[in-house]
């Protein structure tokens, strides 16, 4: 049998042919490319798994963003959002994040609030005056506001004065007037009630004071006149030592003269009741002239020749019970030896005998004895001789 045609053999051999081995250099070039493709395929899967779509609202301005942050703290750090003590973050910092979550940040704003006259700094996360009042619990119905309720509050804050509406009672002219007001002073509230003050009128509290809730204020209707009176100004006494006078002796060298002043008084009636006169002006008409008195400094002698040896203590005991300040029932005689004032002063004494020291009284009694003997003491004089 003849061999098959060469074309047929070629056809059968094509079906079974094996690929020739590739060049090693080609394999080295293809391997890195295969690794890069495999890495990129795995990295894309990880990227998709960690990316989150989160809604972030900052002071009412919402936006959606994609983030790899694991929690709220990381999200705020990525967005360069610093959080202070007066800021609000929800959910709280440190809370984990998942795709679809919403994070709200409200920044605190300082408000210098003057509420019914009391000034203090407060903080609010509201962005308008109305929101801040609501958040702070301030009753705004009928209140006076220094800024419109719709006014925005920036991050730097603002000054806000609020006077809430208060109930007041005015008592005037025998009637009560009930009003509600947000006035800054009692005077303003009076004007709102149609009770303006006239001339010297005033109120039971200072008219420019802040009116308080539930306060009752009386209106004092004041009328009056002035009166001028002349009054005496007493003189003073100046005492000067005098060595020519004995101790215990005083002499008026120059009598004092009272002064005169003209005083103007305000005479007022308050709601028909008269007040105590009030001094409003003083004019000096004549100044007082001081009284000059000389006071003795020379030692008073105690010895009187011819009388020292007598029993003066016995006489004093009989006349006055030994008391230097004794005065008889009629008030005419006084002292240890019951001098009358005329006799006492003729003997050199001053004032009343019962006001002088005991030694002086005895000295002058001895002088009296030298001129009149025991006759001034008709009953007790015999005691002088034992």
Protein backbone atom coordinates (compact mmCIF):
# COMPACT_ATOMS: atom_id res chain seq x y z
CA UNK A 1 0.00 0.00 0.00
CA UNK A 2 1.26 3.39 -0.97
CA UNK A 3 1.91 6.06 1.71
CA UNK A 4 -0.80 8.69 2.26
CA UNK A 5 -0.58 11.99 0.53
CA UNK A 6 1.55 14.52 2.22
CA UNK A 7 -1.36 16.99 2.56
CA UNK A 8 -3.49 14.61 4.63
CA UNK A 9 -0.63 13.88 6.98
CA UNK A 10 -0.13 17.49 7.47
CA UNK A 11 -3.77 17.96 8.38
CA UNK A 12 -3.83 15.27 11.07
CA UNK A 13 -0.62 16.50 12.57
CA UNK A 14 -2.05 20.12 13.05
CA UNK A 15 -4.64 18.88 15.50
CA UNK A 16 -2.12 17.35 17.89
CA UNK A 17 0.69 19.95 17.77
CA UNK A 18 2.12 21.19 21.19
CA UNK A 19 3.09 24.93 21.73
CA UNK A 20 6.79 25.43 21.82
CA UNK A 21 8.20 26.52 25.22
CA UNK A 22 8.20 30.38 25.73
CA UNK A 23 11.33 32.36 26.07
CA UNK A 24 12.42 32.82 29.79
CA UNK A 25 13.05 36.53 29.17
CA UNK A 26 9.43 36.95 28.11
CA UNK A 27 8.23 35.31 31.38
CA UNK A 28 10.31 37.69 33.45
CA UNK A 29 8.72 40.67 31.70
CA UNK A 30 5.09 39.45 32.16
CA UNK A 31 5.30 38.48 35.86
CA UNK A 32 5.50 42.04 37.35
CA UNK A 33 2.58 43.15 35.21
CA UNK A 34 0.50 40.26 36.50
CA UNK A 35 1.34 41.13 40.10
CA UNK A 36 0.39 44.81 39.60
CA UNK A 37 -2.95 43.84 38.07
CA UNK A 38 -3.68 41.46 40.98
CA UNK A 39 -2.73 44.12 43.61
CA UNK A 40 -4.90 46.79 42.01
CA UNK A 41 -7.84 44.45 41.91
CA UNK A 42 -7.52 43.72 45.71
CA UNK A 43 -6.85 47.44 46.65
CA UNK A 44 -9.98 48.65 44.91
CA UNK A 45 -12.00 46.24 47.00
CA UNK A 46 -10.41 47.60 50.26
CA UNK A 47 -10.96 51.24 49.17
CA UNK A 48 -14.65 50.62 48.55
CA UNK A 49 -15.01 48.83 51.90
CA UNK A 50 -13.57 51.75 54.05
CA UNK A 51 -15.06 54.79 52.26
CA UNK A 52 -18.17 56.23 54.10
CA UNK A 53 -20.76 58.75 52.92
CA UNK A 54 -21.51 60.97 55.96
CA UNK A 55 -23.75 64.02 56.40
CA UNK A 56 -22.08 66.87 58.35
CA UNK A 57 -24.09 69.89 59.55
CA UNK A 58 -22.11 72.85 60.96
CA UNK A 59 -24.23 75.62 62.48
CA UNK A 60 -27.18 74.62 60.33
CA UNK A 61 -25.19 74.34 57.07
CA UNK A 62 -25.48 70.66 55.91
CA UNK A 63 -23.26 68.89 53.41
CA UNK A 64 -22.50 65.30 52.42
CA UNK A 65 -18.91 64.14 52.25
CA UNK A 66 -16.89 60.94 51.85
CA UNK A 67 -14.47 60.04 54.60
CA UNK A 68 -12.20 57.25 55.84
CA UNK A 69 -12.62 58.48 59.47
CA UNK A 70 -13.45 55.73 61.95
CA UNK A 71 -15.16 58.00 64.50
CA UNK A 72 -16.47 61.53 65.09
CA UNK A 73 -13.14 62.80 66.46
CA UNK A 74 -11.30 61.77 63.29
CA UNK A 75 -14.00 63.34 61.11
CA UNK A 76 -13.73 66.68 62.94
CA UNK A 77 -9.94 66.59 62.72
CA UNK A 78 -10.10 65.85 58.96
CA UNK A 79 -12.41 68.86 58.51
CA UNK A 80 -10.26 71.13 60.74
CA UNK A 81 -13.23 71.70 63.06
CA UNK A 82 -12.02 72.70 66.55
CA UNK A 83 -14.56 72.06 69.32
CA UNK A 84 -14.67 74.27 72.44
CA UNK A 85 -16.23 73.85 75.88
CA UNK A 86 -19.40 75.68 74.84
CA UNK A 87 -19.88 73.80 71.53
CA UNK A 88 -22.31 70.92 70.95
CA UNK A 89 -21.41 67.82 68.90
CA UNK A 90 -23.89 65.01 68.20
CA UNK A 91 -23.22 62.17 68.33
CA UNK A 92 -20.60 62.71 71.02
CA UNK A 93 -16.90 62.82 70.11
CA UNK A 94 -15.40 59.32 70.02
CA UNK A 95 -18.56 57.71 68.61
CA UNK A 96 -17.86 55.33 65.72
CA UNK A 97 -18.98 56.25 62.20
CA UNK A 98 -20.80 54.23 59.57
CA UNK A 99 -21.88 55.18 56.09
CA UNK A 100 -25.13 57.17 56.18
CA UNK A 101 -24.53 58.67 59.64
CA UNK A 102 -25.20 62.34 60.36
CA UNK A 103 -22.96 64.52 62.55
CA UNK A 104 -24.19 67.88 63.86
CA UNK A 105 -21.88 70.61 65.18
CA UNK A 106 -23.25 73.77 66.86
CA UNK A 107 -20.69 76.36 67.96
CA UNK A 108 -21.22 78.27 71.20
CA UNK A 109 -21.65 82.03 70.95
CA UNK A 110 -21.01 84.48 73.84
CA UNK A 111 -23.87 86.82 74.69
CA UNK A 112 -23.39 89.71 77.14
CA UNK A 113 -26.92 89.67 78.52
CA UNK A 114 -28.41 92.44 80.65
CA UNK A 115 -31.66 90.95 81.94
CA UNK A 116 -33.86 93.26 84.00
CA UNK A 117 -30.86 95.32 85.04
CA UNK A 118 -28.57 92.35 85.90
CA UNK A 119 -25.57 92.01 83.57
CA UNK A 120 -23.81 88.68 82.97
CA UNK A 121 -22.18 86.67 80.17
CA UNK A 122 -24.01 83.59 78.87
CA UNK A 123 -23.38 81.14 76.03
CA UNK A 124 -25.77 79.89 73.37
CA UNK A 125 -25.59 77.64 70.32
CA UNK A 126 -28.56 79.43 68.73
CA UNK A 127 -27.80 81.55 65.69
CA UNK A 128 -30.53 84.19 66.21
CA UNK A 129 -31.70 86.36 69.09
CA UNK A 130 -35.05 84.56 69.18
CA UNK A 131 -33.35 81.17 69.38
CA UNK A 132 -31.01 82.35 72.14
CA UNK A 133 -33.91 83.70 74.23
CA UNK A 134 -35.74 80.38 73.87
CA UNK A 135 -32.63 78.40 74.71
CA UNK A 136 -31.90 80.56 77.78
CA UNK A 137 -35.48 80.37 79.02
CA UNK A 138 -36.04 84.14 78.87
CA UNK A 139 -39.70 85.14 78.61
CA UNK A 140 -39.78 87.46 75.62
CA UNK A 141 -43.52 88.13 75.30
CA UNK A 142 -44.09 91.85 75.87
CA UNK A 143 -40.40 92.37 76.61
CA UNK A 144 -38.15 95.16 75.41
CA UNK A 145 -35.23 93.87 73.31
CA UNK A 146 -32.22 95.93 72.31
CA UNK A 147 -31.89 93.81 69.13
CA UNK A 148 -34.49 92.37 66.74
CA UNK A 149 -35.49 88.77 67.36
CA UNK A 150 -34.44 87.86 63.83
CA UNK A 151 -30.95 89.33 64.21
CA UNK A 152 -28.25 86.70 63.61
CA UNK A 153 -25.68 85.94 66.29
CA UNK A 154 -22.20 85.56 64.83
CA UNK A 155 -19.41 83.47 66.28
CA UNK A 156 -18.09 86.59 68.07
CA UNK A 157 -21.42 86.98 69.93
CA UNK A 158 -23.33 90.18 70.72
CA UNK A 159 -24.61 92.52 73.45
CA UNK A 160 -28.28 92.05 74.33
CA UNK A 161 -30.45 93.97 76.81
CA UNK A 162 -33.81 92.50 77.78
CA UNK A 163 -36.44 94.02 80.02
CA UNK A 164 -39.24 91.57 80.65
CA UNK A 165 -42.81 92.68 81.16
CA UNK A 166 -43.65 93.16 84.84
CA UNK A 167 -46.78 93.87 86.88
CA UNK A 168 -46.68 97.06 89.00
CA UNK A 169 -49.13 98.78 91.32
CA UNK A 170 -49.03 102.56 91.80
CA UNK A 171 -50.87 104.14 94.72
CA UNK A 172 -51.61 107.79 93.97
CA UNK A 173 -54.25 110.32 94.98
CA UNK A 174 -56.16 107.71 96.97
CA UNK A 175 -56.38 105.20 94.10
CA UNK A 176 -54.53 102.11 92.86
CA UNK A 177 -53.26 101.85 89.29
CA UNK A 178 -52.34 98.37 87.99
CA UNK A 179 -50.12 98.26 84.90
CA UNK A 180 -47.86 95.89 83.00
CA UNK A 181 -44.69 97.46 81.71
CA UNK A 182 -41.19 96.82 80.42
CA UNK A 183 -40.01 100.29 81.45
CA UNK A 184 -36.42 100.81 82.55
CA UNK A 185 -37.28 103.11 85.50
CA UNK A 186 -40.13 103.77 87.90
CA UNK A 187 -40.40 107.27 86.41
CA UNK A 188 -40.98 105.82 82.92
CA UNK A 189 -43.59 103.41 84.26
CA UNK A 190 -45.34 106.31 86.01
CA UNK A 191 -45.53 108.18 82.72
CA UNK A 192 -47.05 105.11 81.04
CA UNK A 193 -49.71 105.06 83.77
CA UNK A 194 -50.42 108.79 83.27
CA UNK A 195 -49.03 109.67 86.70
CA UNK A 196 -46.14 112.00 85.88
CA UNK A 197 -44.45 113.65 88.87
CA UNK A 198 -45.00 117.38 89.40
CA UNK A 199 -42.77 119.99 91.09
CA UNK A 200 -41.48 118.41 94.32
CA UNK A 201 -43.41 115.14 93.98
CA UNK A 202 -41.49 111.89 94.40
CA UNK A 203 -42.12 108.18 94.98
CA UNK A 204 -41.66 105.75 97.88
CA UNK A 205 -38.69 104.25 95.99
CA UNK A 206 -36.14 106.26 93.98
CA UNK A 207 -37.87 107.37 90.74
CA UNK A 208 -34.89 106.25 88.65
CA UNK A 209 -34.67 102.78 90.20
CA UNK A 210 -35.55 99.61 88.24
CA UNK A 211 -39.19 98.54 88.73
CA UNK A 212 -39.51 94.96 90.02
CA UNK A 213 -42.22 92.36 89.42
CA UNK A 214 -45.15 92.79 91.82
CA UNK A 215 -43.77 96.01 93.30
CA UNK A 216 -46.13 98.53 94.92
CA UNK A 217 -45.00 102.14 94.60
CA UNK A 218 -46.62 105.08 96.38
CA UNK A 219 -46.68 108.49 94.72
CA UNK A 220 -45.88 111.21 97.26
CA UNK A 221 -47.59 114.50 96.43
CA UNK A 222 -45.44 117.18 98.08
CA UNK A 223 -46.32 120.83 98.58
CA UNK A 224 -44.86 123.44 100.87
CA UNK A 225 -43.39 126.84 101.62
CA UNK A 226 -40.25 128.25 103.20
CA UNK A 227 -39.90 130.04 106.54
CA UNK A 228 -37.01 132.17 107.85
CA UNK A 229 -36.23 132.18 111.57
CA UNK A 230 -33.61 134.04 113.62
CA UNK A 231 -31.94 131.79 116.16
CA UNK A 232 -29.52 132.40 119.02
CA UNK A 233 -26.03 130.90 118.75
CA UNK A 234 -24.62 130.15 122.24
CA UNK A 235 -21.21 131.49 123.16
CA UNK A 236 -18.35 129.33 124.37
CA UNK A 237 -16.40 129.84 127.59
CA UNK A 238 -12.63 130.18 127.55
CA UNK A 239 -10.87 129.51 130.88
CA UNK A 240 -7.42 130.92 131.58
CA UNK A 241 -5.18 130.29 134.66
CA UNK A 242 -4.69 133.27 136.99
CA UNK A 243 -1.97 133.11 139.72
CA UNK A 244 -3.54 136.10 141.50
CA UNK A 245 -6.62 134.07 142.40
CA UNK A 246 -6.63 131.21 144.88
CA UNK A 247 -7.32 127.64 143.79
CA UNK A 248 -11.05 127.03 143.47
CA UNK A 249 -11.75 130.67 142.62
CA UNK A 250 -13.02 131.74 139.20
CA UNK A 251 -13.66 135.27 137.94
CA UNK A 252 -15.51 136.30 134.77
CA UNK A 253 -13.21 138.77 133.03
CA UNK A 254 -15.32 139.29 129.92
CA UNK A 255 -18.95 138.20 129.69
CA UNK A 256 -19.91 136.17 126.65
CA UNK A 257 -22.35 137.49 124.04
CA UNK A 258 -24.61 135.08 122.09
CA UNK A 259 -24.55 135.19 118.30
CA UNK A 260 -27.47 135.34 115.89
CA UNK A 261 -28.08 133.31 112.72
CA UNK A 262 -30.83 133.38 110.14
CA UNK A 263 -32.12 129.89 109.25
CA UNK A 264 -34.39 129.05 106.31
CA UNK A 265 -36.65 126.02 106.74
CA UNK A 266 -38.66 124.09 104.18
CA UNK A 267 -42.18 123.38 105.47
CA UNK A 268 -43.73 120.51 103.51
CA UNK A 269 -46.86 118.41 103.47
CA UNK A 270 -46.77 114.92 101.97
CA UNK A 271 -50.14 113.61 100.81
CA UNK A 272 -51.71 116.12 103.18
CA UNK A 273 -49.57 115.23 106.23
CA UNK A 274 -47.19 117.89 107.57
CA UNK A 275 -43.54 116.92 107.81
CA UNK A 276 -40.91 118.04 110.31
CA UNK A 277 -39.36 121.35 109.08
CA UNK A 278 -36.21 120.77 107.04
CA UNK A 279 -33.25 123.16 107.28
CA UNK A 280 -32.19 124.28 103.80
CA UNK A 281 -30.03 127.39 104.41
CA UNK A 282 -28.12 129.10 107.25
CA UNK A 283 -26.82 132.70 107.32
CA UNK A 284 -24.73 134.14 110.18
CA UNK A 285 -25.99 137.56 111.29
CA UNK A 286 -23.64 138.01 114.30
CA UNK A 287 -20.94 135.71 115.56
CA UNK A 288 -20.97 134.82 119.29
CA UNK A 289 -18.30 136.40 121.50
CA UNK A 290 -16.58 133.95 123.89
CA UNK A 291 -16.76 134.47 127.65
CA UNK A 292 -13.35 134.79 129.33
CA UNK A 293 -13.01 133.29 132.83
CA UNK A 294 -9.88 133.41 134.99
CA UNK A 295 -9.25 130.36 137.15
CA UNK A 296 -7.19 130.72 140.32
CA UNK A 297 -3.96 128.77 140.60
CA UNK A 298 -2.56 130.23 143.85
CA UNK A 299 -2.69 127.77 146.73
CA UNK A 300 -5.35 128.67 149.27
CA UNK A 301 -4.01 129.10 152.82
CA UNK A 302 -5.57 126.92 155.46
CA UNK A 303 -4.28 128.72 158.55
CA UNK A 304 -5.95 131.82 160.01
CA UNK A 305 -4.17 133.20 163.05
CA UNK A 306 -6.46 133.32 166.03
CA UNK A 307 -8.89 130.67 164.77
CA UNK A 308 -6.82 127.58 164.02
CA UNK A 309 -7.08 126.15 167.52
CA UNK A 310 -10.90 125.94 167.55
CA UNK A 311 -12.90 122.71 167.09
CA UNK A 312 -14.00 123.26 163.47
CA UNK A 313 -14.78 119.59 162.84
CA UNK A 314 -17.21 119.61 165.77
CA UNK A 315 -18.93 122.74 164.41
CA UNK A 316 -19.17 121.19 160.92
CA UNK A 317 -20.64 118.00 162.36
CA UNK A 318 -23.26 119.99 164.27
CA UNK A 319 -24.19 122.32 161.38
CA UNK A 320 -24.14 119.90 158.40
CA UNK A 321 -23.44 116.40 159.66
CA UNK A 322 -19.89 116.77 158.35
CA UNK A 323 -21.06 116.91 154.69
CA UNK A 324 -19.41 119.64 152.50
CA UNK A 325 -22.32 119.57 149.99
CA UNK A 326 -25.12 119.86 152.58
CA UNK A 327 -27.96 122.34 151.85
CA UNK A 328 -30.72 123.35 154.29
CA UNK A 329 -34.40 122.71 153.52
CA UNK A 330 -34.98 126.27 152.31
CA UNK A 331 -32.00 126.17 149.94
CA UNK A 332 -30.59 129.36 151.51
CA UNK A 333 -27.64 127.93 153.44
CA UNK A 334 -25.06 125.42 152.26
CA UNK A 335 -21.78 123.68 152.99
CA UNK A 336 -20.09 122.47 156.18
CA UNK A 337 -20.81 125.74 158.00
CA UNK A 338 -24.11 126.66 156.33
CA UNK A 339 -23.04 129.89 154.62
CA UNK A 340 -25.56 132.01 152.73
CA UNK A 341 -24.27 132.94 149.26
CA UNK A 342 -23.88 136.63 150.06
CA UNK A 343 -21.68 136.02 153.08
CA UNK A 344 -19.66 133.39 151.20
CA UNK A 345 -18.85 135.73 148.33
CA UNK A 346 -17.99 138.66 150.67
CA UNK A 347 -15.39 136.37 152.20
CA UNK A 348 -13.82 135.87 148.74
CA UNK A 349 -15.59 132.69 147.73
CA UNK A 350 -17.07 132.18 144.24
CA UNK A 351 -20.24 130.41 143.26
CA UNK A 352 -22.02 128.54 146.04
CA UNK A 353 -20.36 127.44 149.28
CA UNK A 354 -21.56 123.82 148.97
CA UNK A 355 -19.67 123.51 145.64
CA UNK A 356 -16.28 124.50 147.13
CA UNK A 357 -13.71 122.08 148.59
CA UNK A 358 -14.00 121.34 152.33
CA UNK A 359 -10.61 123.00 153.08
CA UNK A 360 -11.74 126.25 151.45
CA UNK A 361 -15.01 126.21 153.41
CA UNK A 362 -13.09 125.82 156.69
CA UNK A 363 -10.64 128.59 155.72
CA UNK A 364 -13.43 131.07 155.05
CA UNK A 365 -15.31 130.02 158.19
CA UNK A 366 -12.18 130.91 160.18
CA UNK A 367 -12.07 134.34 158.51
CA UNK A 368 -15.73 134.86 159.37
CA UNK A 369 -15.04 133.94 163.01
CA UNK A 370 -12.34 136.65 163.27
CA UNK A 371 -14.88 139.35 162.37
CA UNK A 372 -18.07 138.05 164.03
CA UNK A 373 -17.05 135.38 166.48
CA UNK A 374 -19.43 132.45 166.94
CA UNK A 375 -22.57 134.57 166.32
CA UNK A 376 -23.14 133.24 162.76
CA UNK A 377 -23.78 129.85 164.44
CA UNK A 378 -26.16 130.66 167.29
CA UNK A 379 -26.93 127.02 168.13
CA UNK A 380 -23.76 125.13 167.22
CA UNK A 381 -21.23 127.91 167.86
CA UNK A 382 -20.56 126.59 171.38
CA UNK A 383 -18.99 123.47 169.77
CA UNK A 384 -16.01 125.58 168.74
CA UNK A 385 -14.78 125.68 172.34
CA UNK A 386 -15.29 122.04 173.11
